[in-house]
Amino acid sequence: MLVSAQKTSAIQPTQRSDMDPSTAAASALYSGLMQNVQNATTLQASQAVQQAGNTVSDNVAAAFAKTRVLLQATPPTASTAQANSATQGSALDEFKDYMSKSPEQRMRDSILEEMGITEQDLKNMPPEKQLAVAQEIAQRLQDKLKLAQVEKDANGIEKQVTDTFLAAL
């Protein structure tokens, strides 16, 4: 393989016939400057994106580390387990109590709750007020039952219309 001992120019001379030598030189300098600016901008943008990605991954790693330290630092104690079981037990008892009531009793309890009265408050009231509250509860129960019946009838009519429509197709 032959190697030439002559030096070759890295900058190619411009051979455009429409440009004078000073314009060609200015154009070459300007294009080189623009290329350098573009490269610098691209480099800065990629560094900013990489830095943002590193920041996010550092934050995630820090959050996991904190969580792990907290989990290791606070082992569950017997009192915590008892408190959890007591909470679960009371919730279970409340659920069983609620389910053991009739639907009418549940509605009565919800109406009392809407009125802001507890069973104990109702028992402590004078008989006249108890009667007034009982009448109010009865009226609200009737209203709810009528509303439920109207909704049931509307759904029944809607179902009939839908069935008729589908049958017509």
Protein backbone atom coordinates (compact mmCIF):
# COMPACT_ATOMS: atom_id res chain seq x y z
CA MET A 1 0.00 0.00 0.00
CA LEU A 2 1.36 3.35 -1.00
CA VAL A 3 1.19 6.37 1.27
CA SER A 4 1.46 9.80 -0.20
CA ALA A 5 3.87 12.20 1.42
CA GLN A 6 2.01 15.25 0.18
CA LYS A 7 -0.11 17.18 2.61
CA THR A 8 -3.78 17.37 1.74
CA SER A 9 -5.91 20.31 2.66
CA ALA A 10 -8.73 19.67 5.13
CA ILE A 11 -10.73 22.61 3.81
CA GLN A 12 -11.90 22.14 0.27
CA PRO A 13 -11.67 25.24 -1.85
CA THR A 14 -14.94 26.54 -3.18
CA GLN A 15 -15.32 26.18 -6.93
CA ARG A 16 -18.56 28.11 -7.40
CA SER A 17 -18.49 30.43 -10.35
CA ASP A 18 -21.32 32.67 -9.09
CA MET A 19 -19.43 33.79 -5.94
CA ASP A 20 -16.47 36.01 -5.62
CA PRO A 21 -13.70 34.73 -3.28
CA SER A 22 -14.63 36.98 -0.31
CA THR A 23 -18.32 35.91 -0.39
CA ALA A 24 -17.32 32.26 -0.65
CA ALA A 25 -15.02 32.60 2.35
CA ALA A 26 -17.72 34.38 4.39
CA SER A 27 -20.25 31.71 3.46
CA ALA A 28 -17.88 28.93 4.52
CA LEU A 29 -17.19 30.64 7.86
CA TYR A 30 -20.90 31.24 8.47
CA SER A 31 -21.85 27.64 7.71
CA GLY A 32 -19.08 26.41 10.02
CA LEU A 33 -20.29 28.73 12.78
CA MET A 34 -23.88 27.55 12.37
CA GLN A 35 -22.77 23.93 12.55
CA ASN A 36 -20.91 24.64 15.81
CA VAL A 37 -23.96 26.41 17.30
CA GLN A 38 -26.23 23.51 16.35
CA ASN A 39 -23.86 20.98 17.87
CA ALA A 40 -23.57 23.00 21.10
CA THR A 41 -27.38 23.36 21.38
CA THR A 42 -27.93 19.65 20.80
CA LEU A 43 -25.30 18.80 23.40
CA GLN A 44 -26.87 21.14 25.98
CA ALA A 45 -30.36 19.75 25.34
CA SER A 46 -29.21 16.15 25.68
CA GLN A 47 -27.34 16.99 28.88
CA ALA A 48 -30.48 18.68 30.31
CA VAL A 49 -32.62 15.64 29.47
CA GLN A 50 -30.06 13.29 30.98
CA GLN A 51 -29.83 15.43 34.14
CA ALA A 52 -33.63 15.47 34.50
CA GLY A 53 -33.74 11.69 34.07
CA ASN A 54 -31.04 11.28 36.69
CA THR A 55 -32.92 13.56 39.09
CA VAL A 56 -36.12 11.54 38.69
CA SER A 57 -34.35 8.22 39.19
CA ASP A 58 -32.52 9.65 42.24
CA ASN A 59 -35.84 10.79 43.73
CA VAL A 60 -37.41 7.37 43.14
CA ALA A 61 -34.43 5.61 44.69
CA ALA A 62 -34.55 7.95 47.70
CA ALA A 63 -38.27 7.31 48.19
CA PHE A 64 -37.76 3.55 48.09
CA ALA A 65 -34.87 3.82 50.52
CA LYS A 66 -36.94 5.89 52.96
CA THR A 67 -39.82 3.45 52.74
CA ARG A 68 -37.51 0.51 53.34
CA VAL A 69 -35.90 2.20 56.35
CA LEU A 70 -39.32 3.03 57.82
CA LEU A 71 -40.54 -0.52 57.32
CA GLN A 72 -37.44 -1.96 58.93
CA ALA A 73 -37.40 0.57 61.78
CA THR A 74 -40.98 -0.04 62.93
CA PRO A 75 -41.66 -3.74 63.33
CA PRO A 76 -45.25 -4.57 64.19
CA THR A 77 -45.79 -4.95 67.90
CA ALA A 78 -48.33 -7.02 69.73
CA SER A 79 -50.32 -3.92 70.70
CA THR A 80 -50.57 -2.90 67.04
CA ALA A 81 -51.81 -6.35 66.12
CA GLN A 82 -54.34 -6.21 68.95
CA ALA A 83 -55.49 -2.76 67.85
CA ASN A 84 -55.92 -3.99 64.28
CA SER A 85 -57.86 -7.03 65.42
CA ALA A 86 -59.99 -4.84 67.72
CA THR A 87 -60.77 -2.50 64.83
CA GLN A 88 -61.55 -5.42 62.57
CA GLY A 89 -63.65 -6.98 65.30
CA SER A 90 -65.68 -3.82 65.87
CA ALA A 91 -66.20 -3.37 62.13
CA LEU A 92 -67.28 -6.98 61.87
CA ASP A 93 -69.64 -6.55 64.81
CA GLU A 94 -71.13 -3.41 63.23
CA PHE A 95 -71.62 -5.24 59.95
CA LYS A 96 -73.28 -8.22 61.63
CA ASP A 97 -75.51 -5.86 63.63
CA TYR A 98 -76.50 -4.00 60.46
CA MET A 99 -77.25 -7.20 58.55
CA SER A 100 -79.34 -8.61 61.39
CA LYS A 101 -81.78 -5.67 61.10
CA SER A 102 -84.80 -5.78 58.84
CA PRO A 103 -84.92 -3.45 55.84
CA GLU A 104 -87.54 -1.34 57.62
CA GLN A 105 -85.30 -1.01 60.69
CA ARG A 106 -82.37 -0.02 58.45
CA MET A 107 -84.50 2.66 56.79
CA ARG A 108 -85.67 3.87 60.21
CA ASP A 109 -82.07 4.12 61.40
CA SER A 110 -81.05 6.02 58.25
CA ILE A 111 -83.96 8.46 58.73
CA LEU A 112 -82.99 9.00 62.35
CA GLU A 113 -79.42 9.64 61.20
CA GLU A 114 -80.69 12.15 58.60
CA MET A 115 -82.61 13.90 61.38
CA GLY A 116 -79.51 13.88 63.59
CA ILE A 117 -81.14 11.83 66.34
CA THR A 118 -79.81 8.68 67.96
CA GLU A 119 -81.89 5.90 69.53
CA GLN A 120 -80.74 7.06 72.94
CA ASP A 121 -81.84 10.65 72.17
CA LEU A 122 -85.22 9.32 71.04
CA LYS A 123 -85.67 7.33 74.26
CA ASN A 124 -84.79 10.36 76.39
CA MET A 125 -87.37 12.61 74.66
CA PRO A 126 -90.76 13.34 76.22
CA PRO A 127 -93.61 11.20 74.86
CA GLU A 128 -95.06 14.05 72.73
CA LYS A 129 -91.77 14.55 70.91
CA GLN A 130 -91.32 10.79 70.51
CA LEU A 131 -94.75 10.64 68.89
CA ALA A 132 -93.90 13.55 66.55
CA VAL A 133 -90.61 11.91 65.57
CA ALA A 134 -92.37 8.56 65.03
CA GLN A 135 -94.94 10.25 62.75
CA GLU A 136 -92.14 11.97 60.83
CA ILE A 137 -90.34 8.63 60.44
CA ALA A 138 -93.55 6.95 59.26
CA GLN A 139 -94.15 9.73 56.72
CA ARG A 140 -90.60 9.51 55.38
CA LEU A 141 -90.85 5.69 55.17
CA GLN A 142 -94.05 6.01 53.15
CA ASP A 143 -92.42 8.59 50.88
CA LYS A 144 -89.42 6.32 50.30
CA LEU A 145 -91.66 3.33 49.61
CA LYS A 146 -93.75 5.36 47.13
CA LEU A 147 -90.58 6.57 45.43
CA ALA A 148 -89.27 3.01 45.21
CA GLN A 149 -92.59 1.86 43.74
CA VAL A 150 -92.56 4.66 41.15
CA GLU A 151 -89.00 3.74 40.16
CA LYS A 152 -90.00 0.09 39.92
CA ASP A 153 -92.99 0.93 37.73
CA ALA A 154 -90.87 3.23 35.55
CA ASN A 155 -88.30 0.46 35.10
CA GLY A 156 -91.11 -1.98 34.28
CA ILE A 157 -92.57 0.38 31.66
CA GLU A 158 -89.12 1.06 30.27
CA LYS A 159 -88.51 -2.69 30.05
CA GLN A 160 -91.83 -3.19 28.25
CA VAL A 161 -91.02 -0.42 25.76
CA THR A 162 -87.56 -1.90 25.21
CA ASP A 163 -89.02 -5.39 24.72
CA THR A 164 -91.62 -4.06 22.28
CA PHE A 165 -88.98 -2.15 20.36
CA LEU A 166 -86.68 -5.13 20.16
CA ALA A 167 -89.55 -7.39 19.11
CA ALA A 168 -90.41 -4.96 16.32
CA LEU A 169 -86.92 -5.26 14.90
